[in-house]
Every structure is written in C-alpha cells, then in structure tokens.
C-alpha cells in the first residue's frame, strides 16, 4: 500500500488526485495539506467533499506517515516544503510548473537524496505526444516550419505552459537550435518568417483544461500533432501512477517517460 500526502488538497487538482486515489486499492491518502490560512484547515475530507475522513492540516502535519508527497501547487509552495520532504526522506511527485532555472536546480539537487518524479505534464497522452513530436522532427526535413500552440483556462498563471516549453526543448535539441530561434507570438511588421524560427503561442480562455498542438508545415501540406485534455483526471491518473512508480525506484530524478517506460524513445 502506497501512502500518499496531497499538497493543495482542496484545489482542483488536489480533488482530482484524491478521487483517483480513492479508486485505487493499492493507494491510501493519509495526509491532506492546505495553506495555513485556508478555510479548510481542521475540517475532515468528508466535510469538504473529498469523501475521506482524513483531517486537513497545514504541512508538515502527518508527513511521517507518508510514503510520497504529490504536489500540484505553485513554485513558492514547492520550494518551501521541499527541504522538509528531503529531511524526512520522503519521495515526491511534482506536477507544478513555472519554476525558474534556479528552482529547477534545487529540485535536481534534492533528487540526490530522495526519489522525485518531476514533469511539466503528468498526462499519459501528453507524454506520448513528446515522443511523437521527436519522431516527427527527426523524420521531416529541416525546411518544414514548426509552430506550437497551447490553450488553458483563465486561471493559469504561467505562459507559455511548461508542456509547451518541453515541446520546444525537444524540437530545439533535435534541430540543434538556440533559444534565439524561439518566437513568442508575433506582432507588427515582423517581416518574412525565418527558416529556423519556431513560434509559440499561448491562449487563455474560460475553462480549457489543457490543449497542445505542434504544427509542421511546408508548401503543399501540413501535419498537426495534438493532445486535448477534457478533465483534470488525465493529469491525476498520471500523478498517482507516478507516486506508485517512485516508491519502487532508487533515489534520483525521473519524469513521466520513465514512469511509462518510454524514456529510451526520447
């Protein structure tokens, strides 16, 4: 039995993760955490619609009982709890996005001591998209132009999304491009499109859960690889799968491709 603690338990992702855990007999939620000022502190999961009797407290209450911490919050929350997770020797699944380079380095350093699954997107479909995009970039001649478009709900705080940036990193690596080749949208008299240019575009509207499209085009044809999430359960299922995976692995830094056994393809 894998014992899980959920950060941001009463948020949209926290609730979805709890629901998936409740359907999995090999997983037990033993800790629910919210920010100290939250109105949910001190209430049971039953009282706030989570369907369990676990009491909602501020971190690190209940941490000793936990095998793995699942985190879909904000970078500042992740950075504040990470040292204690490391000190207690617990594993961690991080689905939060928007980290700075310095914060990423701290996560990488923490993985010297504990097991961490760190991925910009926990959806199984999106991680398959990463592999398919690499295959397409590798197979198509360099004169195929590439554009990345992502769309999310109006509450999302970072742009472009971590998933869109991961797609760019794949393209950059295969084509040996530099960050100067990435164009964030276009405005004004931009002139003709440069051959090595890759455009990335972020849409924010209503309740879109998450959509990503990579377009490859040349005169006469266009190829589009897309993933559309209609529910946060797509990410929650991957997060729970990652939690079960990391408790069986040695300490170190992993991503969803490791969890899915696809790392050798990317």
Protein backbone atom coordinates (compact mmCIF):
# COMPACT_ATOMS: atom_id res chain seq x y z
CA UNK A 1 0.00 0.00 0.00
CA UNK A 2 1.43 3.36 -1.07
CA UNK A 3 0.62 6.10 1.46
CA UNK A 4 0.10 9.48 -0.17
CA UNK A 5 0.02 13.08 1.04
CA UNK A 6 -1.59 15.69 -1.22
CA UNK A 7 -0.48 19.33 -1.22
CA UNK A 8 -3.24 21.76 -2.18
CA UNK A 9 -5.75 19.04 -1.41
CA UNK A 10 -8.84 21.21 -1.78
CA UNK A 11 -7.83 22.74 -5.11
CA UNK A 12 -9.00 21.49 -8.48
CA UNK A 13 -6.04 19.15 -9.00
CA UNK A 14 -5.92 18.07 -5.37
CA UNK A 15 -9.54 16.93 -5.52
CA UNK A 16 -8.97 15.06 -8.79
CA UNK A 17 -5.92 13.27 -7.33
CA UNK A 18 -7.87 12.31 -4.22
CA UNK A 19 -10.67 10.89 -6.39
CA UNK A 20 -8.24 8.75 -8.40
CA UNK A 21 -6.58 7.54 -5.18
CA UNK A 22 -9.96 6.52 -3.79
CA UNK A 23 -10.48 4.25 -6.81
CA UNK A 24 -7.10 2.52 -6.43
CA UNK A 25 -6.86 -0.19 -3.77
CA UNK A 26 -3.04 -0.02 -3.80
CA UNK A 27 -3.03 3.65 -2.71
CA UNK A 28 -4.15 5.28 0.55
CA UNK A 29 -4.39 9.04 1.19
CA UNK A 30 -3.07 9.61 4.70
CA UNK A 31 -2.42 13.39 4.66
CA UNK A 32 -4.26 16.34 3.12
CA UNK A 33 -2.49 19.71 3.23
CA UNK A 34 -3.67 23.24 2.60
CA UNK A 35 -2.12 26.66 3.17
CA UNK A 36 -2.15 27.73 6.86
CA UNK A 37 -4.79 30.44 6.31
CA UNK A 38 -7.15 28.16 4.37
CA UNK A 39 -10.77 27.96 5.48
CA UNK A 40 -10.49 24.16 5.15
CA UNK A 41 -7.87 23.71 7.87
CA UNK A 42 -9.14 21.49 10.68
CA UNK A 43 -12.01 20.03 8.66
CA UNK A 44 -12.25 16.42 7.53
CA UNK A 45 -12.19 15.37 3.93
CA UNK A 46 -15.83 14.35 4.30
CA UNK A 47 -16.82 17.86 5.34
CA UNK A 48 -15.31 19.47 2.23
CA UNK A 49 -16.49 16.90 -0.29
CA UNK A 50 -13.32 14.81 -0.59
CA UNK A 51 -15.05 11.65 0.56
CA UNK A 52 -12.49 10.59 3.16
CA UNK A 53 -12.04 11.01 6.91
CA UNK A 54 -8.51 12.44 6.76
CA UNK A 55 -8.18 15.76 8.58
CA UNK A 56 -6.99 18.71 6.50
CA UNK A 57 -3.97 20.39 8.08
CA UNK A 58 -1.07 22.61 7.12
CA UNK A 59 2.19 20.99 6.03
CA UNK A 60 4.06 19.04 7.50
CA UNK A 61 1.33 17.60 9.76
CA UNK A 62 1.11 13.87 9.07
CA UNK A 63 4.27 13.76 6.97
CA UNK A 64 5.87 10.92 8.99
CA UNK A 65 3.07 8.58 7.86
CA UNK A 66 3.52 9.42 4.16
CA UNK A 67 5.50 7.48 1.53
CA UNK A 68 5.19 10.07 -1.23
CA UNK A 69 4.08 13.71 -1.46
CA UNK A 70 2.08 14.76 -4.54
CA UNK A 71 2.43 18.45 -5.36
CA UNK A 72 0.35 20.44 -7.88
CA UNK A 73 0.55 23.88 -6.28
CA UNK A 74 2.81 26.84 -7.05
CA UNK A 75 6.62 27.11 -7.24
CA UNK A 76 6.88 29.03 -3.97
CA UNK A 77 4.92 26.30 -2.18
CA UNK A 78 7.05 23.54 -3.69
CA UNK A 79 10.26 25.33 -2.71
CA UNK A 80 9.02 25.89 0.84
CA UNK A 81 8.13 22.23 1.50
CA UNK A 82 10.95 20.54 -0.44
CA UNK A 83 13.62 20.85 2.31
CA UNK A 84 11.37 19.14 4.87
CA UNK A 85 10.41 16.39 2.42
CA UNK A 86 14.13 15.76 1.87
CA UNK A 87 14.89 15.91 5.61
CA UNK A 88 12.24 13.27 6.30
CA UNK A 89 13.43 11.09 3.39
CA UNK A 90 10.08 11.03 1.60
CA UNK A 91 9.58 10.67 -2.16
CA UNK A 92 7.85 13.36 -4.19
CA UNK A 93 5.79 13.80 -7.36
CA UNK A 94 5.97 17.38 -8.68
CA UNK A 95 3.45 18.45 -11.32
CA UNK A 96 3.76 22.15 -10.55
CA UNK A 97 5.03 24.36 -13.41
CA UNK A 98 6.55 27.83 -13.74
CA UNK A 99 9.84 27.18 -11.93
CA UNK A 100 12.88 29.38 -12.52
CA UNK A 101 16.18 27.83 -13.58
CA UNK A 102 17.47 28.25 -10.03
CA UNK A 103 14.42 26.48 -8.58
CA UNK A 104 14.83 23.63 -11.06
CA UNK A 105 18.43 23.21 -9.91
CA UNK A 106 17.23 22.93 -6.30
CA UNK A 107 14.81 20.16 -7.31
CA UNK A 108 17.59 18.37 -9.18
CA UNK A 109 19.81 18.68 -6.11
CA UNK A 110 17.06 17.31 -3.85
CA UNK A 111 16.90 14.23 -6.09
CA UNK A 112 20.37 13.31 -4.86
CA UNK A 113 18.68 12.43 -1.57
CA UNK A 114 15.14 11.28 -2.46
CA UNK A 115 13.16 9.96 -5.40
CA UNK A 116 11.37 12.66 -7.42
CA UNK A 117 9.12 12.41 -10.46
CA UNK A 118 9.20 15.90 -11.98
CA UNK A 119 7.22 16.53 -15.14
CA UNK A 120 5.52 19.58 -16.68
CA UNK A 121 2.57 17.36 -17.57
CA UNK A 122 1.52 14.09 -15.92
CA UNK A 123 -0.93 13.10 -18.65
CA UNK A 124 -0.02 9.82 -20.34
CA UNK A 125 -1.29 11.21 -23.65
CA UNK A 126 0.88 14.32 -23.49
CA UNK A 127 3.98 12.29 -22.74
CA UNK A 128 3.23 10.12 -25.73
CA UNK A 129 2.93 13.40 -27.69
CA UNK A 130 6.51 14.25 -26.63
CA UNK A 131 7.71 11.01 -28.25
CA UNK A 132 5.64 11.54 -31.41
CA UNK A 133 6.92 15.11 -31.81
CA UNK A 134 10.52 13.95 -31.53
CA UNK A 135 9.82 11.28 -34.15
CA UNK A 136 8.26 13.86 -36.48
CA UNK A 137 11.06 16.41 -36.06
CA UNK A 138 13.65 13.69 -36.68
CA UNK A 139 11.86 12.34 -39.77
CA UNK A 140 10.96 15.60 -41.51
CA UNK A 141 13.48 17.77 -43.40
CA UNK A 142 14.55 21.00 -41.70
CA UNK A 143 12.61 23.09 -44.22
CA UNK A 144 9.34 22.07 -42.53
CA UNK A 145 8.24 25.03 -40.41
CA UNK A 146 7.12 24.38 -36.83
CA UNK A 147 4.62 26.23 -34.64
CA UNK A 148 3.46 25.38 -31.10
CA UNK A 149 0.03 26.44 -29.83
CA UNK A 150 -1.25 25.86 -26.30
CA UNK A 151 -4.55 26.78 -24.63
CA UNK A 152 -5.52 26.78 -20.95
CA UNK A 153 -8.12 28.14 -18.54
CA UNK A 154 -8.06 31.77 -17.48
CA UNK A 155 -6.72 30.93 -14.00
CA UNK A 156 -3.37 29.61 -15.24
CA UNK A 157 -0.57 31.86 -14.04
CA UNK A 158 2.39 30.91 -16.25
CA UNK A 159 2.72 31.25 -20.02
CA UNK A 160 3.69 29.55 -22.19
CA UNK A 161 2.83 26.35 -20.36
CA UNK A 162 5.52 24.03 -19.08
CA UNK A 163 4.31 21.44 -21.56
CA UNK A 164 4.70 23.83 -24.49
CA UNK A 165 8.22 24.65 -23.34
CA UNK A 166 9.03 20.94 -23.09
CA UNK A 167 7.87 20.55 -26.70
CA UNK A 168 10.17 23.40 -27.67
CA UNK A 169 13.09 21.77 -25.86
CA UNK A 170 12.54 18.58 -27.85
CA UNK A 171 12.46 20.50 -31.14
CA UNK A 172 15.48 22.60 -30.17
CA UNK A 173 17.53 19.53 -29.31
CA UNK A 174 16.73 17.58 -32.48
CA UNK A 175 17.29 20.53 -34.82
CA UNK A 176 20.24 21.97 -32.88
CA UNK A 177 18.51 25.33 -32.49
CA UNK A 178 19.12 28.02 -29.87
CA UNK A 179 16.75 29.97 -27.64
CA UNK A 180 17.13 32.89 -30.06
CA UNK A 181 15.15 30.83 -32.59
CA UNK A 182 12.04 30.78 -30.39
CA UNK A 183 9.46 33.49 -31.12
CA UNK A 184 6.78 34.24 -28.52
CA UNK A 185 3.81 35.19 -30.68
CA UNK A 186 4.08 37.83 -33.37
CA UNK A 187 3.07 41.47 -33.58
CA UNK A 188 3.59 44.30 -36.02
CA UNK A 189 5.70 44.24 -39.18
CA UNK A 190 7.65 41.09 -38.46
CA UNK A 191 8.87 40.51 -42.00
CA UNK A 192 9.17 37.09 -43.63
CA UNK A 193 9.39 34.09 -41.35
CA UNK A 194 12.96 32.89 -40.72
CA UNK A 195 13.63 29.29 -41.69
CA UNK A 196 14.84 28.20 -38.24
CA UNK A 197 12.19 30.16 -36.36
CA UNK A 198 9.75 28.29 -34.11
CA UNK A 199 6.67 30.16 -32.95
CA UNK A 200 4.97 29.51 -29.64
CA UNK A 201 1.54 30.87 -28.80
CA UNK A 202 -0.40 30.83 -25.50
CA UNK A 203 -4.20 31.13 -25.35
CA UNK A 204 -6.10 31.72 -22.10
CA UNK A 205 -9.86 31.35 -22.15
CA UNK A 206 -12.68 30.17 -19.89
CA UNK A 207 -12.31 26.63 -18.52
CA UNK A 208 -9.99 24.97 -21.06
CA UNK A 209 -8.22 22.21 -19.12
CA UNK A 210 -5.25 21.95 -21.46
CA UNK A 211 -4.64 21.73 -25.22
CA UNK A 212 -1.35 21.48 -27.10
CA UNK A 213 -0.73 21.34 -30.83
CA UNK A 214 2.53 21.15 -32.75
CA UNK A 215 2.14 22.10 -36.41
CA UNK A 216 4.63 21.10 -39.12
CA UNK A 217 4.16 22.80 -42.48
CA UNK A 218 5.63 23.22 -45.92
CA UNK A 219 4.06 24.49 -49.12
CA UNK A 220 1.51 21.88 -50.10
CA UNK A 221 0.92 20.10 -46.77
CA UNK A 222 0.57 20.49 -43.03
CA UNK A 223 0.85 17.94 -40.22
CA UNK A 224 -0.64 18.57 -36.77
CA UNK A 225 0.01 16.56 -33.63
CA UNK A 226 -2.44 17.47 -30.86
CA UNK A 227 -3.46 16.50 -27.37
CA UNK A 228 -6.59 17.81 -25.68
CA UNK A 229 -7.42 17.17 -22.05
CA UNK A 230 -11.11 17.45 -21.20
CA UNK A 231 -10.69 16.70 -17.49
CA UNK A 232 -8.03 17.06 -14.80
CA UNK A 233 -8.39 13.35 -14.23
CA UNK A 234 -5.97 12.91 -17.15
CA UNK A 235 -3.23 14.53 -15.04
CA UNK A 236 -4.39 12.98 -11.77
CA UNK A 237 -4.18 9.43 -13.15
CA UNK A 238 -0.61 10.06 -14.23
CA UNK A 239 0.29 11.57 -10.87
CA UNK A 240 -0.97 8.54 -8.96
CA UNK A 241 0.83 6.23 -11.40
CA UNK A 242 4.00 8.27 -10.76
CA UNK A 243 3.51 8.02 -6.98
CA UNK A 244 3.37 4.23 -7.17
CA UNK A 245 6.37 4.15 -9.50
CA UNK A 246 8.68 6.32 -7.39
CA UNK A 247 8.22 4.28 -4.21
CA UNK A 248 9.72 1.29 -6.04
CA UNK A 249 12.70 3.16 -7.52
CA UNK A 250 16.09 4.27 -6.20
CA UNK A 251 16.55 7.92 -5.31
CA UNK A 252 17.03 10.19 -8.30
CA UNK A 253 15.20 12.46 -10.74
CA UNK A 254 12.61 10.86 -13.03
CA UNK A 255 9.90 12.08 -15.39
CA UNK A 256 6.72 10.58 -16.82
CA UNK A 257 8.62 8.98 -19.68
CA UNK A 258 10.44 6.92 -17.04
CA UNK A 259 7.12 6.07 -15.41
CA UNK A 260 5.66 4.95 -18.76
CA UNK A 261 8.80 3.10 -19.85
CA UNK A 262 9.23 5.38 -22.87
CA UNK A 263 12.49 7.12 -21.92
CA UNK A 264 14.53 5.13 -24.43
CA UNK A 265 12.37 6.52 -27.23
CA UNK A 266 13.11 10.17 -26.46
